[in-house]
Amino acid sequence: MTKRIKLTKAALDRLAHEKDGQWVTDTEVPQLVVRLTPTAKTYVARWTSQTDGKRRQTVIDRTDALSVAEARNRARKLVSDDRPKQAETLGDVFEIWEKHYPSTVSVGHAEEIKRTWAKHIAPDLANVKLSRLSNAKLQEWYNGKRADNSAATVKRWIAYISKFCAIARQRELMTGNPVEGLEMSAPNRRLDIFTKQDIKDLGGNLTGASNKYPIGVALLRFLMMFPCRGIEAREMRWSDLDLEAGTWTIPATRYKTGADKVFPLGPLQIQHLSSLPRWSDIYVFPRPSITGVGSSRKTYDGPDVPVTKNHQIHVWKQVRPKPLGAHALRKTIGHLMLNKDVPLEVVSKLMGHSSTLVTQQVYAHLEPQKAAQHLDVWSAILEDDAPKPEPSFVDDVLKAHASIKMDEYNEAMEREKQERSE
């Protein structure tokens, strides 16, 4: 246990490491202690920080170079200076966040908040006193930013300001959050999808690029016919596939939800995967420079790795029918399936969503023609007649699937007939 005495010059002279131990605490200023060693006696300030709750320790000076009174004054000042700064402006609150809170979010998220603060928030609001940071002030700022930025983007910036205000409230620097009650526009989700002609053009472009980029083209063809994420397709392994059962299983260690994910595969997907060369014993779509196929600028001699996102993007830019990302293929499939009356639960499972709510919010955009068909249902009820839906692009896809099934059936019947004749 640390010895406690009232420090005086005489008391300091009597202290010895052998009999008093390493530390002796002053009863008048408990944050001032004397550290004893066989060769020296040193004043040290030790206290618990009121800023972050951590223990602090600072060497003040040797006891023979400083009086007890001066050592006490220095210890008191060190403790006093370590108290939280009384924030007056939103910029002061941001400094508090920057010092203590970035570790509560991911590194990327923290960097995004810092960039947004420096570029979009600080120029207008950093010097605004917390007492003057009103709902009207923020509404004016929001309206100004909204003129040049999307609703979703400015809403994200407002969320950062709300985070800073919450910190100020926790420290009793504000009595309310001025962000509450802001009138904000609802973010418009863009529906960037491909048309039937776009899909035809993409198919032709992929065929033309297949010799130069065989693996990249094979990957994009799969993304054309199955609504998975790009990273899921790029990291697909042969061991994940059971083409006879028509399933693709992504283990929990590689799936975002932390649980095994089983995707069903249809005849079209099975036919495509079965037709691919075994470029790698591990990956269905390996890095081209490993396999030596296509026009790779570099040779990679390491272990098997999947095709990179950069290669996917490079090939995509060569073949895309219009300036949309490859993710638009996933949106196209989900949108058209929902408008073809495929159940929401089925589409959600194929998309790999954790909830049907995600599918509904992002992909369930009803086409005007589809809405008109449903209106025809009511007309049919009034007229006691059945509505006739118009054919769509999905009909073509379903017919293609059906023809593949019929070809398989005919081949099986032909084989059975030959076996009987033998």
Protein backbone atom coordinates (compact mmCIF):
# COMPACT_ATOMS: atom_id res chain seq x y z
CA MET A 1 0.00 0.00 0.00
CA THR A 2 1.23 3.50 -0.84
CA LYS A 3 2.41 5.47 2.20
CA ARG A 4 0.55 8.75 2.85
CA ILE A 5 2.16 11.68 4.71
CA LYS A 6 2.10 15.47 4.70
CA LEU A 7 5.07 16.40 2.60
CA THR A 8 7.56 18.84 4.12
CA LYS A 9 11.24 19.43 3.55
CA ALA A 10 12.08 17.54 6.74
CA ALA A 11 9.75 14.66 5.82
CA LEU A 12 11.37 14.44 2.39
CA ASP A 13 14.82 14.22 3.95
CA ARG A 14 13.73 11.27 6.11
CA LEU A 15 12.19 9.27 3.22
CA ALA A 16 14.17 6.23 2.01
CA HIS A 17 13.38 3.63 -0.65
CA GLU A 18 14.36 0.71 1.60
CA LYS A 19 11.87 1.52 4.40
CA ASP A 20 9.14 3.62 2.70
CA GLY A 21 8.75 1.81 -0.63
CA GLN A 22 8.61 3.28 -4.13
CA TRP A 23 5.70 5.73 -3.75
CA VAL A 24 4.70 8.23 -1.07
CA THR A 25 1.51 10.33 -1.43
CA ASP A 26 0.99 13.86 -0.15
CA THR A 27 -2.08 14.13 2.11
CA GLU A 28 -2.61 17.81 1.25
CA VAL A 29 -2.61 17.33 -2.57
CA PRO A 30 -3.33 13.62 -3.21
CA GLN A 31 -2.40 13.97 -6.90
CA LEU A 32 1.21 14.75 -5.85
CA VAL A 33 3.40 11.73 -5.08
CA VAL A 34 7.10 11.21 -4.50
CA ARG A 35 8.81 8.38 -6.37
CA LEU A 36 11.68 6.86 -4.42
CA THR A 37 14.57 4.98 -5.95
CA PRO A 38 17.87 3.96 -4.34
CA THR A 39 19.55 6.99 -5.94
CA ALA A 40 16.86 9.71 -6.34
CA LYS A 41 13.60 11.27 -5.13
CA THR A 42 11.24 12.73 -7.73
CA TYR A 43 7.95 14.65 -7.66
CA VAL A 44 5.30 12.99 -9.87
CA ALA A 45 1.71 14.03 -10.56
CA ARG A 46 -0.76 11.13 -10.85
CA TRP A 47 -4.51 11.55 -11.44
CA THR A 48 -7.53 10.23 -13.31
CA SER A 49 -8.37 12.33 -16.35
CA GLN A 50 -11.85 13.88 -16.43
CA THR A 51 -11.62 13.99 -20.22
CA ASP A 52 -11.41 10.28 -21.02
CA GLY A 53 -11.29 8.57 -17.61
CA LYS A 54 -7.72 7.26 -18.08
CA ARG A 55 -4.94 7.41 -15.50
CA ARG A 56 -2.33 10.11 -16.15
CA GLN A 57 1.20 10.38 -14.80
CA THR A 58 3.65 13.27 -15.35
CA VAL A 59 7.11 13.76 -13.86
CA ILE A 60 7.40 17.25 -12.28
CA ASP A 61 11.03 17.54 -11.04
CA ARG A 62 13.57 16.23 -8.52
CA THR A 63 12.78 17.01 -4.87
CA ASP A 64 16.12 18.76 -4.37
CA ALA A 65 15.36 21.15 -7.25
CA LEU A 66 11.84 22.22 -6.27
CA SER A 67 10.05 23.20 -3.07
CA VAL A 68 7.04 21.26 -1.82
CA ALA A 69 4.78 24.31 -2.30
CA GLU A 70 5.84 24.75 -5.94
CA ALA A 71 5.43 21.00 -6.60
CA ARG A 72 1.86 21.18 -5.22
CA ASN A 73 1.04 24.16 -7.46
CA ARG A 74 2.33 22.36 -10.56
CA ALA A 75 0.38 19.22 -9.69
CA ARG A 76 -2.83 21.24 -9.25
CA LYS A 77 -2.28 22.98 -12.61
CA LEU A 78 -1.70 19.71 -14.47
CA VAL A 79 -4.96 18.32 -13.10
CA SER A 80 -6.84 21.54 -13.82
CA ASP A 81 -5.58 21.75 -17.42
CA ASP A 82 -6.75 18.18 -18.09
CA ARG A 83 -10.42 19.00 -17.55
CA PRO A 84 -12.69 18.91 -20.62
CA LYS A 85 -12.63 22.07 -22.69
CA GLN A 86 -15.83 24.05 -22.37
CA ALA A 87 -17.08 23.87 -25.95
CA GLU A 88 -18.76 27.02 -27.23
CA THR A 89 -19.10 26.37 -30.99
CA LEU A 90 -19.94 23.40 -33.21
CA GLY A 91 -16.27 23.38 -34.21
CA ASP A 92 -15.32 22.81 -30.56
CA VAL A 93 -17.70 19.86 -30.41
CA PHE A 94 -16.15 18.42 -33.59
CA GLU A 95 -12.72 18.60 -31.90
CA ILE A 96 -14.14 16.58 -28.99
CA TRP A 97 -15.52 14.01 -31.44
CA GLU A 98 -12.23 13.87 -33.35
CA LYS A 99 -10.27 13.26 -30.15
CA HIS A 100 -12.46 10.65 -28.46
CA TYR A 101 -15.07 9.15 -30.82
CA PRO A 102 -13.54 7.98 -34.17
CA SER A 103 -12.78 4.57 -32.65
CA THR A 104 -16.53 3.97 -32.17
CA VAL A 105 -16.99 3.67 -35.96
CA SER A 106 -15.04 2.03 -38.78
CA VAL A 107 -11.90 3.71 -40.12
CA GLY A 108 -13.57 4.42 -43.46
CA HIS A 109 -16.65 5.92 -41.79
CA ALA A 110 -14.52 8.13 -39.54
CA GLU A 111 -12.57 9.42 -42.56
CA GLU A 112 -15.81 10.14 -44.40
CA ILE A 113 -17.09 12.21 -41.43
CA LYS A 114 -13.82 14.18 -41.32
CA ARG A 115 -13.91 14.87 -45.07
CA THR A 116 -17.55 15.95 -44.93
CA TRP A 117 -16.85 18.23 -41.97
CA ALA A 118 -13.88 19.92 -43.66
CA LYS A 119 -15.52 20.38 -47.06
CA HIS A 120 -19.24 20.88 -46.43
CA ILE A 121 -20.02 21.61 -42.77
CA ALA A 122 -17.12 23.56 -41.26
CA PRO A 123 -17.10 26.46 -43.78
CA ASP A 124 -20.67 27.41 -42.77
CA LEU A 125 -21.19 26.10 -39.23
CA ALA A 126 -17.84 25.62 -37.46
CA ASN A 127 -17.89 29.06 -35.80
CA VAL A 128 -21.60 29.07 -34.94
CA LYS A 129 -22.09 29.19 -31.17
CA LEU A 130 -24.07 26.29 -29.77
CA SER A 131 -26.56 28.75 -28.24
CA ARG A 132 -27.29 30.08 -31.74
CA LEU A 133 -27.39 26.73 -33.54
CA SER A 134 -31.15 26.69 -34.02
CA ASN A 135 -33.51 24.61 -36.10
CA ALA A 136 -34.06 27.60 -38.39
CA LYS A 137 -30.28 28.00 -38.89
CA LEU A 138 -29.88 24.35 -39.85
CA GLN A 139 -32.96 24.48 -42.10
CA GLU A 140 -31.40 27.38 -43.99
CA TRP A 141 -28.11 25.45 -44.29
CA TYR A 142 -29.94 22.32 -45.47
CA ASN A 143 -31.90 24.20 -48.14
CA GLY A 144 -28.70 25.78 -49.44
CA LYS A 145 -26.87 22.45 -49.68
CA ARG A 146 -29.88 20.72 -51.17
CA ALA A 147 -29.75 23.04 -54.20
CA ASP A 148 -26.51 21.41 -55.40
CA ASN A 149 -26.62 17.94 -53.84
CA SER A 150 -28.96 14.97 -53.70
CA ALA A 151 -31.42 14.55 -50.84
CA ALA A 152 -29.70 11.34 -49.70
CA THR A 153 -26.28 13.03 -49.57
CA VAL A 154 -27.41 16.07 -47.55
CA LYS A 155 -29.42 13.83 -45.25
CA ARG A 156 -26.20 11.95 -44.47
CA TRP A 157 -24.45 15.23 -43.66
CA ILE A 158 -27.32 16.21 -41.36
CA ALA A 159 -26.88 12.88 -39.56
CA TYR A 160 -23.25 13.83 -38.81
CA ILE A 161 -24.35 17.21 -37.40
CA SER A 162 -26.94 15.40 -35.28
CA LYS A 163 -24.16 13.16 -33.95
CA PHE A 164 -22.15 16.23 -32.87
CA CYS A 165 -25.22 17.76 -31.22
CA ALA A 166 -25.85 14.51 -29.33
CA ILE A 167 -22.30 14.70 -27.92
CA ALA A 168 -22.95 18.31 -26.85
CA ARG A 169 -26.14 17.23 -25.08
CA GLN A 170 -24.33 14.39 -23.28
CA ARG A 171 -21.88 16.97 -21.93
CA GLU A 172 -24.74 19.29 -20.96
CA LEU A 173 -23.62 21.93 -23.46
CA MET A 174 -27.02 21.93 -25.20
CA THR A 175 -30.54 21.31 -23.94
CA GLY A 176 -31.97 19.99 -27.20
CA ASN A 177 -31.01 18.73 -30.65
CA PRO A 178 -31.77 21.41 -33.29
CA VAL A 179 -31.71 18.77 -36.03
CA GLU A 180 -35.01 17.37 -34.77
CA GLY A 181 -37.94 18.60 -36.83
CA LEU A 182 -35.99 19.57 -39.97
CA GLU A 183 -38.05 19.46 -43.15
CA MET A 184 -36.03 17.25 -45.49
CA SER A 185 -36.79 15.91 -48.93
CA ALA A 186 -37.30 12.18 -49.27
CA PRO A 187 -34.30 10.64 -51.08
CA ASN A 188 -35.17 9.54 -54.60
CA ARG A 189 -33.78 6.11 -55.32
CA ARG A 190 -32.47 5.96 -58.86
CA LEU A 191 -33.72 3.09 -60.97
CA ASP A 192 -30.78 2.53 -63.29
CA ILE A 193 -31.61 -0.59 -65.25
CA PHE A 194 -31.04 -1.95 -68.74
CA THR A 195 -33.64 -2.29 -71.45
CA LYS A 196 -34.23 -5.35 -73.62
CA GLN A 197 -32.14 -3.79 -76.39
CA ASP A 198 -29.37 -3.01 -73.89
CA ILE A 199 -29.23 -6.68 -72.90
CA LYS A 200 -29.03 -7.75 -76.55
CA ASP A 201 -26.25 -5.24 -77.21
CA LEU A 202 -24.37 -6.41 -74.11
CA GLY A 203 -24.59 -10.04 -75.25
CA GLY A 204 -23.11 -9.12 -78.63
CA ASN A 205 -20.35 -7.04 -77.04
CA LEU A 206 -19.41 -9.88 -74.70
CA THR A 207 -19.15 -12.30 -77.61
CA GLY A 208 -16.82 -9.91 -79.40
CA ALA A 209 -14.56 -9.58 -76.33
CA SER A 210 -14.49 -13.26 -75.33
CA ASN A 211 -11.15 -14.04 -76.98
CA LYS A 212 -9.36 -11.09 -75.39
CA TYR A 213 -10.98 -11.36 -71.93
CA PRO A 214 -12.32 -14.92 -71.56
CA ILE A 215 -12.53 -14.93 -67.77
CA GLY A 216 -13.90 -11.40 -67.45
CA VAL A 217 -16.51 -12.13 -70.14
CA ALA A 218 -17.53 -15.41 -68.45
CA LEU A 219 -17.94 -13.56 -65.15
CA LEU A 220 -20.11 -10.84 -66.68
CA ARG A 221 -22.24 -13.41 -68.51
CA PHE A 222 -22.96 -15.05 -65.17
CA LEU A 223 -23.88 -11.67 -63.65
CA MET A 224 -26.26 -11.21 -66.62
CA MET A 225 -28.18 -14.32 -65.69
CA PHE A 226 -28.01 -14.41 -61.88
CA PRO A 227 -28.69 -11.45 -59.51
CA CYS A 228 -25.78 -11.98 -57.14
CA ARG A 229 -23.29 -9.36 -55.99
CA GLY A 230 -20.08 -8.94 -57.95
CA ILE A 231 -17.82 -10.03 -55.10
CA GLU A 232 -19.87 -13.19 -54.57
CA ALA A 233 -19.41 -14.21 -58.20
CA ARG A 234 -15.73 -13.27 -58.31
CA GLU A 235 -14.96 -15.42 -55.25
CA MET A 236 -17.06 -18.40 -56.41
CA ARG A 237 -15.26 -21.71 -55.92
CA TRP A 238 -15.86 -25.03 -57.62
CA SER A 239 -16.30 -26.58 -54.17
CA ASP A 240 -19.25 -24.23 -53.57
CA LEU A 241 -21.19 -25.65 -56.52
CA ASP A 242 -23.39 -28.72 -56.80
CA LEU A 243 -24.46 -28.50 -60.42
CA GLU A 244 -26.38 -31.78 -60.30
CA ALA A 245 -28.53 -30.53 -57.41
CA GLY A 246 -28.59 -27.01 -58.86
CA THR A 247 -27.23 -25.21 -55.77
CA TRP A 248 -24.49 -22.73 -54.98
CA THR A 249 -23.49 -22.54 -51.31
CA ILE A 250 -21.41 -19.67 -49.93
CA PRO A 251 -19.94 -20.67 -46.54
CA ALA A 252 -20.62 -18.50 -43.49
CA THR A 253 -16.96 -17.43 -43.35
CA ARG A 254 -17.34 -15.68 -46.73
CA TYR A 255 -20.90 -14.38 -46.54
CA LYS A 256 -21.83 -10.97 -45.14
CA THR A 257 -24.47 -12.27 -42.68
CA GLY A 258 -22.11 -14.76 -41.05
CA ALA A 259 -24.34 -17.74 -41.99
CA ASP A 260 -24.23 -20.25 -44.86
CA LYS A 261 -26.10 -18.95 -47.91
CA VAL A 262 -27.58 -21.40 -50.42
CA PHE A 263 -28.60 -20.02 -53.83
CA PRO A 264 -30.70 -22.09 -56.25
CA LEU A 265 -29.40 -22.35 -59.82
CA GLY A 266 -31.64 -22.70 -62.87
CA PRO A 267 -30.92 -24.52 -66.14
CA LEU A 268 -29.46 -21.38 -67.74
CA GLN A 269 -26.94 -20.82 -64.94
CA ILE A 270 -26.03 -24.52 -64.72
CA GLN A 271 -25.47 -24.70 -68.48
CA HIS A 272 -23.19 -21.65 -68.37
CA LEU A 273 -21.11 -22.88 -65.41
CA SER A 274 -20.83 -26.39 -66.86
CA SER A 275 -19.49 -25.01 -70.13
CA LEU A 276 -16.62 -23.09 -68.49
CA PRO A 277 -13.05 -24.41 -68.70
CA ARG A 278 -11.37 -25.36 -65.42
CA TRP A 279 -8.99 -22.41 -65.48
CA SER A 280 -8.26 -23.07 -61.79
CA ASP A 281 -8.73 -25.99 -59.43
CA ILE A 282 -10.13 -23.60 -56.81
CA TYR A 283 -11.85 -20.59 -58.36
CA VAL A 284 -14.45 -20.60 -61.12
CA PHE A 285 -13.25 -17.15 -62.24
CA PRO A 286 -9.52 -16.97 -61.36
CA ARG A 287 -7.11 -14.13 -61.95
CA PRO A 288 -6.28 -14.19 -65.71
CA SER A 289 -2.55 -13.66 -65.22
CA ILE A 290 -2.34 -16.94 -63.26
CA THR A 291 -3.94 -19.01 -65.98
CA GLY A 292 -2.18 -17.36 -68.92
CA VAL A 293 -5.41 -16.79 -70.86
CA GLY A 294 -6.49 -13.57 -72.51
CA SER A 295 -4.33 -10.48 -72.78
CA SER A 296 -2.91 -10.01 -69.29
CA ARG A 297 -0.24 -7.32 -68.98
CA LYS A 298 1.36 -8.90 -65.91
CA THR A 299 2.27 -12.46 -64.92
CA TYR A 300 1.41 -13.58 -61.42
CA ASP A 301 3.27 -16.62 -60.06
CA GLY A 302 1.62 -16.81 -56.63
CA PRO A 303 -1.14 -19.15 -55.43
CA ASP A 304 -4.60 -19.24 -57.02
CA VAL A 305 -6.58 -16.07 -56.36
CA PRO A 306 -9.95 -14.94 -57.72
CA VAL A 307 -10.32 -12.47 -60.55
CA THR A 308 -9.92 -8.91 -59.31
CA LYS A 309 -12.60 -6.23 -59.24
CA ASN A 310 -10.31 -4.05 -61.35
CA HIS A 311 -10.34 -6.65 -64.13
CA GLN A 312 -14.13 -6.88 -63.94
CA ILE A 313 -14.43 -3.09 -64.19
CA HIS A 314 -11.91 -2.94 -67.07
CA VAL A 315 -13.79 -5.53 -69.13
CA TRP A 316 -17.16 -4.02 -68.23
CA LYS A 317 -16.14 -0.61 -69.55
CA GLN A 318 -15.26 -2.26 -72.88
CA VAL A 319 -18.63 -3.99 -73.31
CA ARG A 320 -21.31 -2.06 -71.40
CA PRO A 321 -24.14 -0.78 -73.62
CA LYS A 322 -24.49 2.48 -71.65
CA PRO A 323 -22.61 4.18 -68.80
CA LEU A 324 -24.00 2.19 -65.88
CA GLY A 325 -22.11 -0.02 -63.45
CA ALA A 326 -22.26 -3.81 -63.60
CA HIS A 327 -24.43 -3.67 -60.47
CA ALA A 328 -27.21 -2.40 -62.76
CA LEU A 329 -27.50 -5.98 -64.07
CA ARG A 330 -28.55 -7.07 -60.57
CA LYS A 331 -31.06 -4.22 -60.40
CA THR A 332 -32.44 -5.12 -63.82
CA ILE A 333 -33.06 -8.75 -62.88
CA GLY A 334 -34.67 -7.87 -59.54
CA HIS A 335 -36.86 -5.14 -61.02
CA LEU A 336 -38.11 -7.23 -63.94
CA MET A 337 -38.79 -10.32 -61.82
CA LEU A 338 -40.91 -8.31 -59.41
CA ASN A 339 -42.83 -6.78 -62.31
CA LYS A 340 -43.41 -10.30 -63.64
CA ASP A 341 -45.28 -11.17 -60.41
CA VAL A 342 -42.46 -13.32 -59.02
CA PRO A 343 -43.20 -13.37 -55.24
CA LEU A 344 -41.27 -10.82 -53.22
CA GLU A 345 -39.93 -13.55 -50.91
CA VAL A 346 -38.48 -15.46 -53.88
CA VAL A 347 -36.79 -12.40 -55.36
CA SER A 348 -35.41 -11.46 -51.93
CA LYS A 349 -33.88 -14.93 -51.55
CA LEU A 350 -32.31 -14.81 -55.01
CA MET A 351 -30.89 -11.35 -54.32
CA GLY A 352 -29.42 -12.55 -51.03
CA HIS A 353 -31.17 -9.86 -48.98
CA SER A 354 -31.49 -10.24 -45.22
CA SER A 355 -35.06 -8.92 -45.34
CA THR A 356 -37.81 -8.53 -47.93
CA LEU A 357 -38.00 -4.89 -46.80
CA VAL A 358 -34.66 -4.21 -48.52
CA THR A 359 -35.92 -5.79 -51.74
CA GLN A 360 -39.15 -3.83 -51.58
CA GLN A 361 -37.48 -0.47 -50.97
CA VAL A 362 -34.71 -0.76 -53.56
CA TYR A 363 -36.13 -2.90 -56.37
CA ALA A 364 -39.94 -2.78 -56.20
CA HIS A 365 -40.54 0.01 -58.74
CA LEU A 366 -43.81 -0.71 -60.52
CA GLU A 367 -43.75 -0.10 -64.26
CA PRO A 368 -46.65 1.95 -65.69
CA GLN A 369 -47.56 -0.90 -68.03
CA LYS A 370 -47.71 -3.27 -65.06
CA ALA A 371 -49.89 -0.87 -63.12
CA ALA A 372 -52.20 -0.65 -66.14
CA GLN A 373 -52.48 -4.47 -66.20
CA HIS A 374 -53.61 -4.48 -62.58
CA LEU A 375 -56.11 -1.76 -63.40
CA ASP A 376 -57.37 -4.05 -66.15
CA VAL A 377 -58.24 -6.57 -63.42
CA TRP A 378 -60.80 -4.17 -62.01
CA SER A 379 -62.08 -3.43 -65.51
CA ALA A 380 -62.46 -7.18 -66.10
CA ILE A 381 -64.44 -7.53 -62.89
CA LEU A 382 -66.80 -4.81 -64.06
CA GLU A 383 -67.07 -6.32 -67.52
CA ASP A 384 -66.95 -9.95 -66.35
CA ASP A 385 -63.97 -10.61 -68.59
CA ALA A 386 -60.34 -11.73 -68.13
CA PRO A 387 -57.50 -9.24 -68.70
CA LYS A 388 -54.81 -10.11 -71.23
CA PRO A 389 -51.35 -9.14 -70.05
CA GLU A 390 -48.81 -7.86 -72.54
CA PRO A 391 -45.63 -9.94 -73.09
CA SER A 392 -42.43 -8.53 -71.60
CA PHE A 393 -38.71 -9.13 -71.69
CA VAL A 394 -39.04 -11.59 -68.79
CA ASP A 395 -41.37 -13.70 -70.93
CA ASP A 396 -38.50 -14.17 -73.37
CA VAL A 397 -36.19 -15.28 -70.54
CA LEU A 398 -38.76 -17.72 -69.17
CA LYS A 399 -39.40 -19.10 -72.66
CA ALA A 400 -35.66 -19.64 -73.08
CA HIS A 401 -35.57 -21.54 -69.79
CA ALA A 402 -38.55 -23.63 -70.89
CA SER A 403 -36.93 -24.46 -74.23
CA ILE A 404 -33.81 -25.66 -72.45
CA LYS A 405 -35.95 -27.89 -70.25
CA MET A 406 -37.79 -29.22 -73.32
CA ASP A 407 -34.51 -29.97 -75.12
CA GLU A 408 -33.30 -31.91 -72.09
CA TYR A 409 -36.58 -33.81 -71.96
CA ASN A 410 -36.44 -34.68 -75.69
CA GLU A 411 -32.83 -35.87 -75.38
CA ALA A 412 -33.76 -38.08 -72.43
CA MET A 413 -36.72 -39.59 -74.32
CA GLU A 414 -34.49 -40.26 -77.34
CA ARG A 415 -31.90 -42.02 -75.16
CA GLU A 416 -34.63 -44.14 -73.54
CA LYS A 417 -36.00 -45.11 -76.97
CA GLN A 418 -32.52 -46.18 -78.16
CA GLU A 419 -31.95 -48.25 -74.99
CA ARG A 420 -35.24 -50.08 -75.52
CA SER A 421 -34.40 -50.84 -79.15
CA GLU A 422 -31.05 -52.31 -78.11
